[in-house]
Amino acid sequence: MSVYEKAVLDLLKEGPKQRKWIVGQLCPRIMSQKKAQKTLNELENAGKVKAVSKRIGGSRRWSTWYVLPGQEYLLDIDAGRVIAAVERLWGLLFRPPTPDEIAVETGITPGEAENLAYKLATQTGWFNPKPELIRHTRKKLADVLLCAALMRDGKVGEDGKSKDFNYDNDIETVEEAKRFLKEHPEMLPQLPEHWTDTISWPPQALKYLGENYRPKIRFKPAILFG
């Protein structure tokens, strides 16, 4: 196998790719555009890749995709939506989504979602989470969202420092809170005036917490003098 063939096949290990994208990755850093097309043709003639023409959106234009043999199903619209949903939800939930969660996200039936999720598992790393994992990660999500809300309201710094709340030794929660504060501010709760009151979660958070969840408040222990 030539270095040129290996470069193309390495790109396709991650799933189907448009010709335009492949050329952009390889040319001119590794090979010329002419050499790239020649390599693609040789790989196709040898049966190592398949070329599939797909219409671009609702237009009349067509685009050529290259895919490894046996992975043609990844070009299916629903398969692409499932891959995107798994990746997005995993980033939100700190776990793989359930088939029902994938179905809600993609608009397909839970049965279809589960079937495709299993078929695509080698690409996404997906597995069907058990109830224990769901409970554990629900607590983690609520804790991260609370920390992010405290950052938003100036009660905790982006370094995790605070005179009232204890996140000093939890780098992971602080970093994830910064990410949610930036990428998902719509999920952050409104903090109560008195901490004995119920925390008000927005619908975007309740959708994944599944209840009006009350996380443990990390108050710093009181220091008594005298």
C-alpha atoms as a PDB file:
ATOM      1  CA  MET A   1       0.000   0.000   0.000  1.00  0.00           C
ATOM      2  CA  SER A   2       1.365   3.395  -0.943  1.00  0.00           C
ATOM      3  CA  VAL A   3       1.569   6.310   1.481  1.00  0.00           C
ATOM      4  CA  TYR A   4      -1.060   8.051  -0.646  1.00  0.00           C
ATOM      5  CA  GLU A   5      -3.529   5.176  -0.371  1.00  0.00           C
ATOM      6  CA  LYS A   6      -2.932   4.938   3.376  1.00  0.00           C
ATOM      7  CA  ALA A   7      -3.593   8.668   3.792  1.00  0.00           C
ATOM      8  CA  VAL A   8      -6.976   8.339   2.071  1.00  0.00           C
ATOM      9  CA  LEU A   9      -7.996   5.174   3.938  1.00  0.00           C
ATOM     10  CA  ASP A  10      -7.045   6.694   7.289  1.00  0.00           C
ATOM     11  CA  LEU A  11      -9.467   9.551   6.638  1.00  0.00           C
ATOM     12  CA  LEU A  12     -12.275   7.148   5.727  1.00  0.00           C
ATOM     13  CA  LYS A  13     -11.867   5.112   8.916  1.00  0.00           C
ATOM     14  CA  GLU A  14     -13.862   7.842  10.645  1.00  0.00           C
ATOM     15  CA  GLY A  15     -16.780   7.426   8.232  1.00  0.00           C
ATOM     16  CA  PRO A  16     -17.880   8.598   4.767  1.00  0.00           C
ATOM     17  CA  LYS A  17     -16.279  11.770   3.473  1.00  0.00           C
ATOM     18  CA  GLN A  18     -17.047  14.104   0.584  1.00  0.00           C
ATOM     19  CA  ARG A  19     -14.481  14.253  -2.189  1.00  0.00           C
ATOM     20  CA  LYS A  20     -14.137  17.995  -1.628  1.00  0.00           C
ATOM     21  CA  TRP A  21     -13.312  17.435   2.052  1.00  0.00           C
ATOM     22  CA  ILE A  22     -10.799  14.691   1.300  1.00  0.00           C
ATOM     23  CA  VAL A  23      -9.006  16.884  -1.228  1.00  0.00           C
ATOM     24  CA  GLY A  24      -8.939  19.735   1.274  1.00  0.00           C
ATOM     25  CA  GLN A  25      -7.300  17.508   3.887  1.00  0.00           C
ATOM     26  CA  LEU A  26      -4.655  16.025   1.604  1.00  0.00           C
ATOM     27  CA  CYS A  27      -3.838  18.715  -0.947  1.00  0.00           C
ATOM     28  CA  PRO A  28      -1.306  20.170  -1.323  1.00  0.00           C
ATOM     29  CA  ARG A  29       0.194  19.045   2.009  1.00  0.00           C
ATOM     30  CA  ILE A  30       0.495  15.369   1.092  1.00  0.00           C
ATOM     31  CA  MET A  31      -0.270  15.186  -2.623  1.00  0.00           C
ATOM     32  CA  SER A  32      -1.516  17.209  -5.567  1.00  0.00           C
ATOM     33  CA  GLN A  33      -5.219  17.265  -6.496  1.00  0.00           C
ATOM     34  CA  LYS A  34      -4.418  15.236  -9.598  1.00  0.00           C
ATOM     35  CA  LYS A  35      -2.644  12.614  -7.487  1.00  0.00           C
ATOM     36  CA  ALA A  36      -5.514  12.565  -4.991  1.00  0.00           C
ATOM     37  CA  GLN A  37      -8.080  11.816  -7.695  1.00  0.00           C
ATOM     38  CA  LYS A  38      -5.824   9.165  -9.205  1.00  0.00           C
ATOM     39  CA  THR A  39      -5.432   7.536  -5.783  1.00  0.00           C
ATOM     40  CA  LEU A  40      -9.188   7.577  -5.199  1.00  0.00           C
ATOM     41  CA  ASN A  41      -9.776   5.989  -8.600  1.00  0.00           C
ATOM     42  CA  GLU A  42      -7.196   3.275  -7.919  1.00  0.00           C
ATOM     43  CA  LEU A  43      -8.707   2.494  -4.506  1.00  0.00           C
ATOM     44  CA  GLU A  44     -12.176   2.302  -6.051  1.00  0.00           C
ATOM     45  CA  ASN A  45     -10.992   0.010  -8.865  1.00  0.00           C
ATOM     46  CA  ALA A  46      -9.352  -2.239  -6.279  1.00  0.00           C
ATOM     47  CA  GLY A  47     -12.587  -2.426  -4.270  1.00  0.00           C
ATOM     48  CA  LYS A  48     -11.027  -0.754  -1.234  1.00  0.00           C
ATOM     49  CA  VAL A  49     -13.407   2.210  -1.305  1.00  0.00           C
ATOM     50  CA  LYS A  50     -16.773   2.942  -2.858  1.00  0.00           C
ATOM     51  CA  ALA A  51     -17.846   6.177  -4.514  1.00  0.00           C
ATOM     52  CA  VAL A  52     -21.454   7.220  -3.960  1.00  0.00           C
ATOM     53  CA  SER A  53     -23.149  10.204  -5.594  1.00  0.00           C
ATOM     54  CA  LYS A  54     -25.646  12.091  -3.424  1.00  0.00           C
ATOM     55  CA  ARG A  55     -27.770  15.107  -4.199  1.00  0.00           C
ATOM     56  CA  ILE A  56     -26.845  18.178  -2.148  1.00  0.00           C
ATOM     57  CA  GLY A  57     -29.878  19.115  -0.073  1.00  0.00           C
ATOM     58  CA  GLY A  58     -32.826  19.912  -2.302  1.00  0.00           C
ATOM     59  CA  SER A  59     -30.693  21.293  -5.113  1.00  0.00           C
ATOM     60  CA  ARG A  60     -29.920  19.757  -8.486  1.00  0.00           C
ATOM     61  CA  ARG A  61     -26.229  19.547  -7.682  1.00  0.00           C
ATOM     62  CA  TRP A  62     -24.613  16.232  -6.821  1.00  0.00           C
ATOM     63  CA  SER A  63     -21.655  15.485  -4.606  1.00  0.00           C
ATOM     64  CA  THR A  64     -19.382  12.443  -4.579  1.00  0.00           C
ATOM     65  CA  TRP A  65     -18.815  10.682  -1.268  1.00  0.00           C
ATOM     66  CA  TYR A  66     -16.229   7.985  -0.592  1.00  0.00           C
ATOM     67  CA  VAL A  67     -16.843   5.248   1.938  1.00  0.00           C
ATOM     68  CA  LEU A  68     -15.209   2.001   3.021  1.00  0.00           C
ATOM     69  CA  PRO A  69     -16.988  -1.154   1.818  1.00  0.00           C
ATOM     70  CA  GLY A  70     -19.649  -2.258   4.294  1.00  0.00           C
ATOM     71  CA  GLN A  71     -20.167   1.247   5.667  1.00  0.00           C
ATOM     72  CA  GLU A  72     -22.511   2.536   2.982  1.00  0.00           C
ATOM     73  CA  TYR A  73     -25.341   2.666   5.531  1.00  0.00           C
ATOM     74  CA  LEU A  74     -23.538   5.572   7.188  1.00  0.00           C
ATOM     75  CA  LEU A  75     -24.589   7.710   4.233  1.00  0.00           C
ATOM     76  CA  ASP A  76     -28.224   7.180   5.143  1.00  0.00           C
ATOM     77  CA  ILE A  77     -29.894  10.378   6.363  1.00  0.00           C
ATOM     78  CA  ASP A  78     -31.223   8.792   9.536  1.00  0.00           C
ATOM     79  CA  ALA A  79     -27.838   7.258  10.323  1.00  0.00           C
ATOM     80  CA  GLY A  80     -26.181  10.654  10.045  1.00  0.00           C
ATOM     81  CA  ARG A  81     -28.799  12.180  12.322  1.00  0.00           C
ATOM     82  CA  VAL A  82     -28.289   9.431  14.896  1.00  0.00           C
ATOM     83  CA  ILE A  83     -24.515   9.930  14.892  1.00  0.00           C
ATOM     84  CA  ALA A  84     -24.944  13.673  15.411  1.00  0.00           C
ATOM     85  CA  ALA A  85     -27.532  13.109  18.155  1.00  0.00           C
ATOM     86  CA  VAL A  86     -25.350  10.635  20.052  1.00  0.00           C
ATOM     87  CA  GLU A  87     -22.378  13.001  19.946  1.00  0.00           C
ATOM     88  CA  ARG A  88     -24.402  16.032  21.032  1.00  0.00           C
ATOM     89  CA  LEU A  89     -26.324  14.288  23.809  1.00  0.00           C
ATOM     90  CA  TRP A  90     -23.224  12.549  25.166  1.00  0.00           C
ATOM     91  CA  GLY A  91     -21.676  15.993  25.620  1.00  0.00           C
ATOM     92  CA  LEU A  92     -24.767  17.142  27.518  1.00  0.00           C
ATOM     93  CA  LEU A  93     -25.500  14.084  29.628  1.00  0.00           C
ATOM     94  CA  PHE A  94     -21.986  12.765  30.417  1.00  0.00           C
ATOM     95  CA  ARG A  95     -23.164   9.374  29.143  1.00  0.00           C
ATOM     96  CA  PRO A  96     -24.516   7.800  25.967  1.00  0.00           C
ATOM     97  CA  PRO A  97     -28.170   8.703  25.369  1.00  0.00           C
ATOM     98  CA  THR A  98     -30.962   6.164  25.649  1.00  0.00           C
ATOM     99  CA  PRO A  99     -32.833   5.086  22.488  1.00  0.00           C
ATOM    100  CA  ASP A 100     -35.805   7.196  23.625  1.00  0.00           C
ATOM    101  CA  GLU A 101     -33.578  10.266  23.975  1.00  0.00           C
ATOM    102  CA  ILE A 102     -32.107   9.658  20.519  1.00  0.00           C
ATOM    103  CA  ALA A 103     -35.624   9.249  19.105  1.00  0.00           C
ATOM    104  CA  VAL A 104     -36.773  12.585  20.570  1.00  0.00           C
ATOM    105  CA  GLU A 105     -33.662  14.303  19.243  1.00  0.00           C
ATOM    106  CA  THR A 106     -33.918  12.901  15.709  1.00  0.00           C
ATOM    107  CA  GLY A 107     -37.666  12.544  15.195  1.00  0.00           C
ATOM    108  CA  ILE A 108     -37.499   8.832  14.396  1.00  0.00           C
ATOM    109  CA  THR A 109     -39.177   6.032  16.353  1.00  0.00           C
ATOM    110  CA  PRO A 110     -37.444   4.587  19.451  1.00  0.00           C
ATOM    111  CA  GLY A 111     -37.176   1.214  17.692  1.00  0.00           C
ATOM    112  CA  GLU A 112     -35.443   2.724  14.676  1.00  0.00           C
ATOM    113  CA  ALA A 113     -33.227   4.803  16.962  1.00  0.00           C
ATOM    114  CA  GLU A 114     -32.138   1.761  18.958  1.00  0.00           C
ATOM    115  CA  ASN A 115     -31.500  -0.302  15.821  1.00  0.00           C
ATOM    116  CA  LEU A 116     -29.353   2.398  14.231  1.00  0.00           C
ATOM    117  CA  ALA A 117     -27.572   3.171  17.505  1.00  0.00           C
ATOM    118  CA  TYR A 118     -26.415  -0.438  17.764  1.00  0.00           C
ATOM    119  CA  LYS A 119     -25.392  -0.543  14.091  1.00  0.00           C
ATOM    120  CA  LEU A 120     -23.383   2.649  14.494  1.00  0.00           C
ATOM    121  CA  ALA A 121     -21.870   1.746  17.860  1.00  0.00           C
ATOM    122  CA  THR A 122     -18.446   1.019  16.384  1.00  0.00           C
ATOM    123  CA  GLN A 123     -18.420   4.565  15.010  1.00  0.00           C
ATOM    124  CA  THR A 124     -19.804   6.372  18.067  1.00  0.00           C
ATOM    125  CA  GLY A 125     -18.843   4.170  21.029  1.00  0.00           C
ATOM    126  CA  TRP A 126     -22.538   4.076  21.999  1.00  0.00           C
ATOM    127  CA  PHE A 127     -24.005   1.600  24.456  1.00  0.00           C
ATOM    128  CA  ASN A 128     -27.403   1.539  26.130  1.00  0.00           C
ATOM    129  CA  PRO A 129     -26.870   3.121  29.558  1.00  0.00           C
ATOM    130  CA  LYS A 130     -28.060   1.266  32.639  1.00  0.00           C
ATOM    131  CA  PRO A 131     -30.269   2.965  35.254  1.00  0.00           C
ATOM    132  CA  GLU A 132     -27.368   3.239  37.717  1.00  0.00           C
ATOM    133  CA  LEU A 133     -25.292   5.200  35.193  1.00  0.00           C
ATOM    134  CA  ILE A 134     -28.252   7.437  34.357  1.00  0.00           C
ATOM    135  CA  ARG A 135     -28.777   8.252  38.049  1.00  0.00           C
ATOM    136  CA  HIS A 136     -25.073   8.961  38.578  1.00  0.00           C
ATOM    137  CA  THR A 137     -24.720  11.231  35.563  1.00  0.00           C
ATOM    138  CA  ARG A 138     -27.987  13.040  36.376  1.00  0.00           C
ATOM    139  CA  LYS A 139     -26.406  14.086  39.676  1.00  0.00           C
ATOM    140  CA  LYS A 140     -23.267  15.161  37.825  1.00  0.00           C
ATOM    141  CA  LEU A 141     -25.236  17.218  35.285  1.00  0.00           C
ATOM    142  CA  ALA A 142     -27.230  18.974  38.034  1.00  0.00           C
ATOM    143  CA  ASP A 143     -24.035  19.729  39.948  1.00  0.00           C
ATOM    144  CA  VAL A 144     -22.338  21.156  36.847  1.00  0.00           C
ATOM    145  CA  LEU A 145     -25.378  23.302  35.976  1.00  0.00           C
ATOM    146  CA  LEU A 146     -25.540  24.660  39.518  1.00  0.00           C
ATOM    147  CA  CYS A 147     -21.838  25.528  39.462  1.00  0.00           C
ATOM    148  CA  ALA A 148     -22.308  27.267  36.090  1.00  0.00           C
ATOM    149  CA  ALA A 149     -25.243  29.280  37.491  1.00  0.00           C
ATOM    150  CA  LEU A 150     -23.094  30.328  40.441  1.00  0.00           C
ATOM    151  CA  MET A 151     -20.425  31.477  37.974  1.00  0.00           C
ATOM    152  CA  ARG A 152     -23.050  33.378  35.973  1.00  0.00           C
ATOM    153  CA  ASP A 153     -24.216  35.174  39.099  1.00  0.00           C
ATOM    154  CA  GLY A 154     -20.686  35.996  40.225  1.00  0.00           C
ATOM    155  CA  LYS A 155     -20.774  33.732  43.272  1.00  0.00           C
ATOM    156  CA  VAL A 156     -18.042  31.409  41.975  1.00  0.00           C
ATOM    157  CA  GLY A 157     -15.090  32.456  39.838  1.00  0.00           C
ATOM    158  CA  GLU A 158     -14.121  30.687  36.608  1.00  0.00           C
ATOM    159  CA  ASP A 159     -11.173  29.280  38.573  1.00  0.00           C
ATOM    160  CA  GLY A 160     -13.639  27.723  41.030  1.00  0.00           C
ATOM    161  CA  LYS A 161     -12.717  30.114  43.827  1.00  0.00           C
ATOM    162  CA  SER A 162     -15.468  31.378  46.110  1.00  0.00           C
ATOM    163  CA  LYS A 163     -15.805  32.640  49.645  1.00  0.00           C
ATOM    164  CA  ASP A 164     -19.059  30.731  50.157  1.00  0.00           C
ATOM    165  CA  PHE A 165     -19.039  27.671  47.856  1.00  0.00           C
ATOM    166  CA  ASN A 166     -16.529  24.853  47.769  1.00  0.00           C
ATOM    167  CA  TYR A 167     -15.341  23.870  44.275  1.00  0.00           C
ATOM    168  CA  ASP A 168     -11.655  24.408  45.006  1.00  0.00           C
ATOM    169  CA  ASN A 169     -10.626  20.780  44.534  1.00  0.00           C
ATOM    170  CA  ASP A 170     -13.042  19.763  41.780  1.00  0.00           C
ATOM    171  CA  ILE A 171     -11.349  20.812  38.547  1.00  0.00           C
ATOM    172  CA  GLU A 172     -13.599  18.622  36.386  1.00  0.00           C
ATOM    173  CA  THR A 173     -16.846  20.189  37.611  1.00  0.00           C
ATOM    174  CA  VAL A 174     -15.403  23.705  37.254  1.00  0.00           C
ATOM    175  CA  GLU A 175     -14.228  23.084  33.687  1.00  0.00           C
ATOM    176  CA  GLU A 176     -17.530  21.509  32.658  1.00  0.00           C
ATOM    177  CA  ALA A 177     -19.422  24.384  34.287  1.00  0.00           C
ATOM    178  CA  LYS A 178     -17.430  26.863  32.204  1.00  0.00           C
ATOM    179  CA  ARG A 179     -18.354  24.890  29.079  1.00  0.00           C
ATOM    180  CA  PHE A 180     -22.069  24.856  29.912  1.00  0.00           C
ATOM    181  CA  LEU A 181     -22.010  28.544  30.828  1.00  0.00           C
ATOM    182  CA  LYS A 182     -20.648  29.298  27.365  1.00  0.00           C
ATOM    183  CA  GLU A 183     -22.445  26.705  25.220  1.00  0.00           C
ATOM    184  CA  HIS A 184     -25.728  25.981  27.057  1.00  0.00           C
ATOM    185  CA  PRO A 185     -26.731  28.998  29.170  1.00  0.00           C
ATOM    186  CA  GLU A 186     -30.400  28.150  28.543  1.00  0.00           C
ATOM    187  CA  MET A 187     -30.000  25.087  30.786  1.00  0.00           C
ATOM    188  CA  LEU A 188     -28.800  26.967  33.872  1.00  0.00           C
ATOM    189  CA  PRO A 189     -31.208  27.254  36.834  1.00  0.00           C
ATOM    190  CA  GLN A 190     -32.359  30.426  38.520  1.00  0.00           C
ATOM    191  CA  LEU A 191     -30.843  30.464  41.974  1.00  0.00           C
ATOM    192  CA  PRO A 192     -33.223  30.904  44.919  1.00  0.00           C
ATOM    193  CA  GLU A 193     -33.018  33.887  47.232  1.00  0.00           C
ATOM    194  CA  HIS A 194     -32.933  31.493  50.161  1.00  0.00           C
ATOM    195  CA  TRP A 195     -31.201  28.125  49.787  1.00  0.00           C
ATOM    196  CA  THR A 196     -34.043  26.402  51.627  1.00  0.00           C
ATOM    197  CA  ASP A 197     -36.235  27.185  48.604  1.00  0.00           C
ATOM    198  CA  THR A 198     -36.525  24.922  45.555  1.00  0.00           C
ATOM    199  CA  ILE A 199     -34.139  25.601  42.699  1.00  0.00           C
ATOM    200  CA  SER A 200     -36.015  26.590  39.542  1.00  0.00           C
ATOM    201  CA  TRP A 201     -34.816  24.540  36.579  1.00  0.00           C
ATOM    202  CA  PRO A 202     -35.632  25.614  33.009  1.00  0.00           C
ATOM    203  CA  PRO A 203     -37.440  23.138  30.726  1.00  0.00           C
ATOM    204  CA  GLN A 204     -34.210  22.531  28.772  1.00  0.00           C
ATOM    205  CA  ALA A 205     -32.621  21.124  31.945  1.00  0.00           C
ATOM    206  CA  LEU A 206     -35.677  19.272  33.266  1.00  0.00           C
ATOM    207  CA  LYS A 207     -35.810  17.484  29.921  1.00  0.00           C
ATOM    208  CA  TYR A 208     -32.629  15.641  30.930  1.00  0.00           C
ATOM    209  CA  LEU A 209     -32.781  15.719  34.719  1.00  0.00           C
ATOM    210  CA  GLY A 210     -36.245  14.173  34.530  1.00  0.00           C
ATOM    211  CA  GLU A 211     -37.380  15.820  37.747  1.00  0.00           C
ATOM    212  CA  ASN A 212     -37.131  19.051  39.697  1.00  0.00           C
ATOM    213  CA  TYR A 213     -33.738  17.905  40.884  1.00  0.00           C
ATOM    214  CA  ARG A 214     -32.106  19.451  43.934  1.00  0.00           C
ATOM    215  CA  PRO A 215     -28.332  18.976  43.945  1.00  0.00           C
ATOM    216  CA  LYS A 216     -26.241  19.098  47.069  1.00  0.00           C
ATOM    217  CA  ILE A 217     -25.188  22.687  47.767  1.00  0.00           C
ATOM    218  CA  ARG A 218     -21.441  22.870  48.318  1.00  0.00           C
ATOM    219  CA  PHE A 219     -21.308  25.442  51.073  1.00  0.00           C
ATOM    220  CA  LYS A 220     -17.922  25.932  52.681  1.00  0.00           C
ATOM    221  CA  PRO A 221     -17.900  24.796  56.286  1.00  0.00           C
ATOM    222  CA  ALA A 222     -18.340  27.622  58.780  1.00  0.00           C
ATOM    223  CA  ILE A 223     -15.185  28.585  60.620  1.00  0.00           C
ATOM    224  CA  LEU A 224     -15.773  29.265  64.300  1.00  0.00           C
ATOM    225  CA  PHE A 225     -13.491  31.491  66.274  1.00  0.00           C
ATOM    226  CA  GLY A 226     -13.083  31.578  70.032  1.00  0.00           C
END
